[in-house]
Amino acid sequence: MKVVVFDTNVLLDLFVFNDFRALHLKQALIEGKLDALATPITLAEFADVIARPLFSLDEAQQKQIYLQWQNLARVMDEPSLSKAPWTCNDPDDQIFLDLAYTARPCALISKDNEVLRFANKAATEQVLITADYTVFDL
């Protein structure tokens, strides 16, 4: 089973926008073909983001989306994470790097340039950082 960390912006494509480019990833999650990781902090960030007025989701929709992701993810506690050797300028993004580094070999799928800039360094540590939704042969 492939281990993956989804950045919040990718989770939006999976669960809010139902982006056609990400539907195969969502289906693979549902079918248990991916071991998707989260932490209480990443779950809280996702809940905060989907609650923003920009997305026009009522509380019931937010809860349904949040619970769907939470139930599909394997949640790891932050104290158990190893610190990644790359430090992100945005502390909200560092948790995703640490999570992927801890779970290596692992893929971190993100559209955030602040995260993507570590792709070459991370590859030497068995962490694939990419924006490519077709990274897995599913």
N, C-alpha and C. Protein backbone atom coordinates (compact mmCIF):
# COMPACT_ATOMS: atom_id res chain seq x y z
N MET A 1 0.85 -1.18 0.00
CA MET A 1 0.00 0.00 0.00
C MET A 1 0.89 1.24 0.00
N LYS A 2 0.54 2.20 -0.80
CA LYS A 2 1.32 3.42 -0.92
C LYS A 2 0.96 4.41 0.20
N VAL A 3 1.99 4.97 0.83
CA VAL A 3 1.78 5.92 1.91
C VAL A 3 1.81 7.32 1.32
N VAL A 4 0.82 8.12 1.70
CA VAL A 4 0.69 9.46 1.11
C VAL A 4 0.25 10.47 2.16
N VAL A 5 0.75 11.68 2.00
CA VAL A 5 0.31 12.83 2.78
C VAL A 5 -0.27 13.81 1.79
N PHE A 6 -1.48 14.25 2.04
CA PHE A 6 -2.13 15.26 1.21
C PHE A 6 -2.09 16.60 1.92
N ASP A 7 -1.55 17.60 1.26
CA ASP A 7 -1.60 18.96 1.79
C ASP A 7 -3.06 19.44 1.74
N THR A 8 -3.38 20.43 2.53
CA THR A 8 -4.76 20.92 2.63
C THR A 8 -5.31 21.35 1.27
N ASN A 9 -4.48 21.97 0.45
CA ASN A 9 -4.98 22.42 -0.85
C ASN A 9 -5.39 21.25 -1.73
N VAL A 10 -4.76 20.11 -1.58
CA VAL A 10 -5.14 18.92 -2.32
C VAL A 10 -6.41 18.31 -1.73
N LEU A 11 -6.53 18.34 -0.41
CA LEU A 11 -7.76 17.85 0.22
C LEU A 11 -8.98 18.63 -0.26
N LEU A 12 -8.80 19.91 -0.51
CA LEU A 12 -9.91 20.71 -1.06
C LEU A 12 -10.33 20.16 -2.41
N ASP A 13 -9.36 19.83 -3.26
CA ASP A 13 -9.69 19.25 -4.57
C ASP A 13 -10.40 17.91 -4.41
N LEU A 14 -9.98 17.12 -3.43
CA LEU A 14 -10.56 15.80 -3.23
C LEU A 14 -11.97 15.84 -2.66
N PHE A 15 -12.18 16.71 -1.65
CA PHE A 15 -13.42 16.64 -0.88
C PHE A 15 -14.37 17.82 -1.03
N VAL A 16 -13.88 18.95 -1.47
CA VAL A 16 -14.76 20.12 -1.62
C VAL A 16 -15.10 20.36 -3.10
N PHE A 17 -14.06 20.41 -3.92
CA PHE A 17 -14.28 20.72 -5.34
C PHE A 17 -14.57 19.48 -6.18
N ASN A 18 -14.26 18.30 -5.64
CA ASN A 18 -14.39 17.06 -6.40
C ASN A 18 -13.77 17.20 -7.79
N ASP A 19 -12.55 17.72 -7.79
CA ASP A 19 -11.78 17.96 -9.01
C ASP A 19 -11.63 16.65 -9.78
N PHE A 20 -12.00 16.66 -11.05
CA PHE A 20 -11.95 15.44 -11.85
C PHE A 20 -10.53 14.87 -11.93
N ARG A 21 -9.52 15.72 -11.82
CA ARG A 21 -8.13 15.25 -11.88
C ARG A 21 -7.75 14.45 -10.63
N ALA A 22 -8.52 14.61 -9.56
CA ALA A 22 -8.20 13.94 -8.29
C ALA A 22 -9.18 12.82 -7.94
N LEU A 23 -10.17 12.59 -8.76
CA LEU A 23 -11.19 11.59 -8.44
C LEU A 23 -10.60 10.19 -8.26
N HIS A 24 -9.58 9.84 -9.04
CA HIS A 24 -8.97 8.50 -8.89
C HIS A 24 -8.27 8.37 -7.54
N LEU A 25 -7.73 9.48 -7.03
CA LEU A 25 -7.10 9.44 -5.70
C LEU A 25 -8.15 9.24 -4.61
N LYS A 26 -9.26 9.94 -4.76
CA LYS A 26 -10.34 9.80 -3.78
C LYS A 26 -10.88 8.36 -3.81
N GLN A 27 -11.05 7.81 -4.98
CA GLN A 27 -11.54 6.44 -5.11
C GLN A 27 -10.55 5.45 -4.50
N ALA A 28 -9.25 5.68 -4.72
CA ALA A 28 -8.22 4.81 -4.14
C ALA A 28 -8.24 4.88 -2.62
N LEU A 29 -8.50 6.07 -2.08
CA LEU A 29 -8.64 6.21 -0.63
C LEU A 29 -9.81 5.39 -0.12
N ILE A 30 -10.94 5.55 -0.76
CA ILE A 30 -12.16 4.84 -0.35
C ILE A 30 -11.96 3.33 -0.43
N GLU A 31 -11.23 2.87 -1.44
CA GLU A 31 -11.00 1.44 -1.64
C GLU A 31 -9.85 0.90 -0.78
N GLY A 32 -9.21 1.77 -0.01
CA GLY A 32 -8.13 1.34 0.87
C GLY A 32 -6.82 1.06 0.15
N LYS A 33 -6.64 1.61 -1.02
CA LYS A 33 -5.41 1.40 -1.78
C LYS A 33 -4.30 2.36 -1.38
N LEU A 34 -4.65 3.40 -0.64
CA LEU A 34 -3.67 4.38 -0.18
C LEU A 34 -3.72 4.44 1.34
N ASP A 35 -2.56 4.57 1.94
CA ASP A 35 -2.46 4.79 3.38
C ASP A 35 -2.22 6.29 3.55
N ALA A 36 -3.30 7.04 3.71
CA ALA A 36 -3.23 8.49 3.80
C ALA A 36 -3.07 8.91 5.25
N LEU A 37 -2.07 9.76 5.50
CA LEU A 37 -1.75 10.15 6.86
C LEU A 37 -2.21 11.56 7.18
N ALA A 38 -2.56 11.76 8.44
CA ALA A 38 -2.95 13.07 8.95
C ALA A 38 -2.50 13.13 10.41
N THR A 39 -2.60 14.31 10.98
CA THR A 39 -2.36 14.51 12.41
C THR A 39 -3.51 15.36 12.94
N PRO A 40 -3.67 15.44 14.24
CA PRO A 40 -4.70 16.34 14.77
C PRO A 40 -4.53 17.79 14.27
N ILE A 41 -3.29 18.23 14.10
CA ILE A 41 -3.06 19.60 13.61
C ILE A 41 -3.51 19.74 12.15
N THR A 42 -3.19 18.75 11.31
CA THR A 42 -3.61 18.87 9.90
C THR A 42 -5.12 18.74 9.77
N LEU A 43 -5.72 17.92 10.62
CA LEU A 43 -7.19 17.81 10.61
C LEU A 43 -7.83 19.14 11.03
N ALA A 44 -7.27 19.77 12.05
CA ALA A 44 -7.81 21.06 12.51
C ALA A 44 -7.65 22.13 11.45
N GLU A 45 -6.51 22.11 10.73
CA GLU A 45 -6.32 23.09 9.65
C GLU A 45 -7.35 22.88 8.55
N PHE A 46 -7.60 21.62 8.21
CA PHE A 46 -8.60 21.33 7.18
C PHE A 46 -9.98 21.82 7.62
N ALA A 47 -10.33 21.56 8.86
CA ALA A 47 -11.63 22.02 9.39
C ALA A 47 -11.72 23.54 9.33
N ASP A 48 -10.64 24.22 9.70
CA ASP A 48 -10.62 25.68 9.66
C ASP A 48 -10.79 26.20 8.24
N VAL A 49 -10.09 25.59 7.30
CA VAL A 49 -10.14 26.06 5.91
C VAL A 49 -11.53 25.86 5.32
N ILE A 50 -12.13 24.69 5.51
CA ILE A 50 -13.44 24.46 4.89
C ILE A 50 -14.55 25.27 5.55
N ALA A 51 -14.27 25.83 6.72
CA ALA A 51 -15.27 26.68 7.40
C ALA A 51 -15.25 28.12 6.88
N ARG A 52 -14.29 28.46 6.05
CA ARG A 52 -14.18 29.83 5.55
C ARG A 52 -15.34 30.16 4.62
N PRO A 53 -15.84 31.39 4.70
CA PRO A 53 -16.99 31.80 3.88
C PRO A 53 -16.77 31.60 2.38
N LEU A 54 -15.54 31.64 1.94
CA LEU A 54 -15.19 31.45 0.54
C LEU A 54 -15.81 30.18 -0.05
N PHE A 55 -15.92 29.13 0.77
CA PHE A 55 -16.39 27.84 0.27
C PHE A 55 -17.90 27.67 0.38
N SER A 56 -18.58 28.56 1.08
CA SER A 56 -20.05 28.54 1.19
C SER A 56 -20.59 27.18 1.62
N LEU A 57 -19.94 26.57 2.57
CA LEU A 57 -20.40 25.28 3.08
C LEU A 57 -21.09 25.50 4.42
N ASP A 58 -22.30 24.95 4.56
CA ASP A 58 -22.97 25.08 5.86
C ASP A 58 -22.33 24.10 6.84
N GLU A 59 -22.71 24.19 8.10
CA GLU A 59 -22.08 23.37 9.14
C GLU A 59 -22.24 21.88 8.88
N ALA A 60 -23.39 21.48 8.38
CA ALA A 60 -23.61 20.05 8.10
C ALA A 60 -22.68 19.57 6.98
N GLN A 61 -22.50 20.38 5.94
CA GLN A 61 -21.60 20.01 4.85
C GLN A 61 -20.16 19.95 5.35
N GLN A 62 -19.78 20.93 6.16
CA GLN A 62 -18.43 20.94 6.71
C GLN A 62 -18.17 19.68 7.53
N LYS A 63 -19.12 19.34 8.38
CA LYS A 63 -18.97 18.16 9.23
C LYS A 63 -18.86 16.89 8.40
N GLN A 64 -19.69 16.77 7.38
CA GLN A 64 -19.68 15.58 6.52
C GLN A 64 -18.34 15.46 5.81
N ILE A 65 -17.84 16.55 5.25
CA ILE A 65 -16.56 16.55 4.53
C ILE A 65 -15.42 16.22 5.49
N TYR A 66 -15.43 16.87 6.65
CA TYR A 66 -14.38 16.64 7.65
C TYR A 66 -14.37 15.18 8.09
N LEU A 67 -15.54 14.64 8.43
CA LEU A 67 -15.61 13.26 8.90
C LEU A 67 -15.21 12.27 7.81
N GLN A 68 -15.55 12.57 6.58
CA GLN A 68 -15.15 11.68 5.48
C GLN A 68 -13.63 11.59 5.42
N TRP A 69 -12.96 12.74 5.46
CA TRP A 69 -11.50 12.73 5.43
C TRP A 69 -10.94 12.06 6.69
N GLN A 70 -11.45 12.41 7.84
CA GLN A 70 -10.94 11.85 9.09
C GLN A 70 -11.06 10.32 9.09
N ASN A 71 -12.15 9.80 8.58
CA ASN A 71 -12.38 8.36 8.57
C ASN A 71 -11.50 7.63 7.55
N LEU A 72 -11.02 8.33 6.55
CA LEU A 72 -10.17 7.72 5.53
C LEU A 72 -8.68 7.82 5.88
N ALA A 73 -8.34 8.74 6.77
CA ALA A 73 -6.95 8.99 7.11
C ALA A 73 -6.51 8.16 8.31
N ARG A 74 -5.22 7.83 8.32
CA ARG A 74 -4.61 7.25 9.52
C ARG A 74 -3.97 8.40 10.28
N VAL A 75 -4.48 8.65 11.47
CA VAL A 75 -4.05 9.82 12.24
C VAL A 75 -2.88 9.45 13.15
N MET A 76 -1.82 10.24 13.02
CA MET A 76 -0.63 10.07 13.85
C MET A 76 -0.51 11.27 14.78
N ASP A 77 -0.04 11.03 15.99
CA ASP A 77 0.15 12.12 16.94
C ASP A 77 1.42 12.89 16.62
N GLU A 78 1.36 14.20 16.78
CA GLU A 78 2.52 15.04 16.47
C GLU A 78 3.78 14.66 17.27
N PRO A 79 3.67 14.33 18.57
CA PRO A 79 4.90 13.99 19.30
C PRO A 79 5.66 12.80 18.72
N SER A 80 4.97 11.94 17.97
CA SER A 80 5.63 10.77 17.39
C SER A 80 6.36 11.09 16.08
N LEU A 81 6.21 12.31 15.58
CA LEU A 81 6.82 12.67 14.30
C LEU A 81 8.29 13.03 14.45
N SER A 82 9.06 12.66 13.44
CA SER A 82 10.46 13.09 13.35
C SER A 82 10.49 14.44 12.65
N LYS A 83 11.43 15.26 13.03
CA LYS A 83 11.59 16.57 12.39
C LYS A 83 12.26 16.37 11.04
N ALA A 84 11.64 16.87 9.99
CA ALA A 84 12.24 16.81 8.65
C ALA A 84 13.50 17.68 8.62
N PRO A 85 14.49 17.29 7.83
CA PRO A 85 15.71 18.09 7.75
C PRO A 85 15.56 19.36 6.92
N TRP A 86 14.36 19.63 6.43
CA TRP A 86 14.09 20.84 5.65
C TRP A 86 13.11 21.69 6.43
N THR A 87 13.41 22.96 6.55
CA THR A 87 12.55 23.85 7.32
C THR A 87 11.80 24.79 6.38
N CYS A 88 10.50 24.77 6.52
CA CYS A 88 9.62 25.58 5.69
C CYS A 88 9.43 26.95 6.34
N ASN A 89 9.35 27.98 5.53
CA ASN A 89 9.11 29.33 6.05
C ASN A 89 7.73 29.45 6.68
N ASP A 90 6.78 28.69 6.19
CA ASP A 90 5.42 28.72 6.71
C ASP A 90 5.27 27.58 7.73
N PRO A 91 5.14 27.91 9.02
CA PRO A 91 5.04 26.84 10.03
C PRO A 91 3.83 25.93 9.82
N ASP A 92 2.77 26.45 9.18
CA ASP A 92 1.60 25.60 8.92
C ASP A 92 1.92 24.49 7.92
N ASP A 93 2.93 24.70 7.08
CA ASP A 93 3.32 23.69 6.10
C ASP A 93 4.33 22.69 6.66
N GLN A 94 5.05 23.06 7.71
CA GLN A 94 6.10 22.19 8.25
C GLN A 94 5.55 20.85 8.71
N ILE A 95 4.37 20.84 9.27
CA ILE A 95 3.78 19.60 9.77
C ILE A 95 3.63 18.56 8.65
N PHE A 96 3.32 19.01 7.44
CA PHE A 96 3.19 18.09 6.31
C PHE A 96 4.54 17.49 5.93
N LEU A 97 5.59 18.32 5.97
CA LEU A 97 6.94 17.83 5.70
C LEU A 97 7.38 16.83 6.76
N ASP A 98 7.13 17.16 8.02
CA ASP A 98 7.51 16.26 9.13
C ASP A 98 6.76 14.93 9.05
N LEU A 99 5.49 15.01 8.72
CA LEU A 99 4.67 13.80 8.61
C LEU A 99 5.19 12.89 7.49
N ALA A 100 5.46 13.48 6.33
CA ALA A 100 5.96 12.69 5.21
C ALA A 100 7.35 12.12 5.51
N TYR A 101 8.19 12.92 6.15
CA TYR A 101 9.54 12.46 6.50
C TYR A 101 9.47 11.27 7.47
N THR A 102 8.59 11.35 8.43
CA THR A 102 8.42 10.28 9.42
C THR A 102 7.95 8.99 8.75
N ALA A 103 7.10 9.11 7.76
CA ALA A 103 6.45 7.95 7.15
C ALA A 103 7.21 7.37 5.95
N ARG A 104 8.39 7.88 5.66
CA ARG A 104 9.08 7.47 4.44
C ARG A 104 9.35 5.99 4.40
N PRO A 105 9.32 5.40 3.20
CA PRO A 105 9.07 6.08 1.93
C PRO A 105 7.62 6.53 1.83
N CYS A 106 7.48 7.72 1.30
CA CYS A 106 6.16 8.37 1.32
C CYS A 106 6.10 9.38 0.18
N ALA A 107 4.88 9.68 -0.24
CA ALA A 107 4.65 10.77 -1.19
C ALA A 107 3.88 11.87 -0.47
N LEU A 108 4.26 13.10 -0.73
CA LEU A 108 3.55 14.28 -0.23
C LEU A 108 3.03 15.01 -1.45
N ILE A 109 1.72 15.05 -1.59
CA ILE A 109 1.11 15.72 -2.74
C ILE A 109 0.62 17.08 -2.29
N SER A 110 1.13 18.11 -2.95
CA SER A 110 0.85 19.49 -2.57
C SER A 110 0.88 20.37 -3.81
N LYS A 111 0.15 21.46 -3.74
CA LYS A 111 0.23 22.47 -4.80
C LYS A 111 0.89 23.74 -4.26
N ASP A 112 1.42 23.66 -3.06
CA ASP A 112 2.01 24.81 -2.38
C ASP A 112 3.49 24.94 -2.77
N ASN A 113 3.83 26.04 -3.40
CA ASN A 113 5.22 26.23 -3.84
C ASN A 113 6.21 26.19 -2.69
N GLU A 114 5.78 26.62 -1.52
CA GLU A 114 6.65 26.60 -0.34
C GLU A 114 7.03 25.16 0.04
N VAL A 115 6.16 24.23 -0.21
CA VAL A 115 6.42 22.82 0.04
C VAL A 115 7.16 22.19 -1.14
N LEU A 116 6.70 22.49 -2.33
CA LEU A 116 7.28 21.89 -3.54
C LEU A 116 8.76 22.22 -3.72
N ARG A 117 9.21 23.32 -3.17
CA ARG A 117 10.62 23.71 -3.36
C ARG A 117 11.59 22.74 -2.69
N PHE A 118 11.09 21.86 -1.82
CA PHE A 118 11.94 20.88 -1.15
C PHE A 118 11.99 19.54 -1.89
N ALA A 119 11.39 19.45 -3.04
CA ALA A 119 11.27 18.17 -3.75
C ALA A 119 12.62 17.49 -3.99
N ASN A 120 13.60 18.20 -4.46
CA ASN A 120 14.89 17.58 -4.76
C ASN A 120 15.58 17.08 -3.50
N LYS A 121 15.58 17.88 -2.45
CA LYS A 121 16.21 17.47 -1.19
C LYS A 121 15.46 16.29 -0.59
N ALA A 122 14.15 16.33 -0.64
CA ALA A 122 13.33 15.28 -0.03
C ALA A 122 13.52 13.94 -0.75
N ALA A 123 13.74 13.99 -2.05
CA ALA A 123 13.90 12.76 -2.83
C ALA A 123 15.07 11.93 -2.31
N THR A 124 16.10 12.58 -1.80
CA THR A 124 17.26 11.86 -1.26
C THR A 124 16.92 11.17 0.06
N GLU A 125 15.79 11.53 0.66
CA GLU A 125 15.34 10.94 1.93
C GLU A 125 14.11 10.04 1.74
N GLN A 126 13.86 9.61 0.51
CA GLN A 126 12.73 8.73 0.17
C GLN A 126 11.37 9.39 0.40
N VAL A 127 11.32 10.71 0.19
CA VAL A 127 10.06 11.44 0.23
C VAL A 127 9.87 12.08 -1.13
N LEU A 128 8.81 11.68 -1.80
CA LEU A 128 8.48 12.24 -3.10
C LEU A 128 7.51 13.40 -2.87
N ILE A 129 7.96 14.60 -3.14
CA ILE A 129 7.08 15.77 -3.02
C ILE A 129 6.71 16.19 -4.43
N THR A 130 5.41 16.23 -4.70
CA THR A 130 4.95 16.48 -6.06
C THR A 130 3.58 17.15 -6.06
N ALA A 131 3.26 17.78 -7.17
CA ALA A 131 1.93 18.33 -7.41
C ALA A 131 1.16 17.45 -8.39
N ASP A 132 1.78 16.36 -8.79
CA ASP A 132 1.22 15.48 -9.82
C ASP A 132 0.22 14.50 -9.22
N TYR A 133 -1.03 14.65 -9.59
CA TYR A 133 -2.09 13.78 -9.08
C TYR A 133 -2.02 12.38 -9.69
N THR A 134 -1.19 12.19 -10.70
CA THR A 134 -1.07 10.88 -11.33
C THR A 134 0.21 10.17 -10.90
N VAL A 135 0.76 10.57 -9.77
CA VAL A 135 2.02 10.02 -9.29
C VAL A 135 1.93 8.53 -9.00
N PHE A 136 0.77 8.03 -8.63
CA PHE A 136 0.59 6.62 -8.34
C PHE A 136 -0.04 5.90 -9.52
N ASP A 137 0.42 4.69 -9.75
CA ASP A 137 -0.18 3.84 -10.76
C ASP A 137 -1.29 3.05 -10.06
N LEU A 138 -2.50 3.61 -10.09
CA LEU A 138 -3.61 3.00 -9.34
C LEU A 138 -4.55 2.25 -10.26
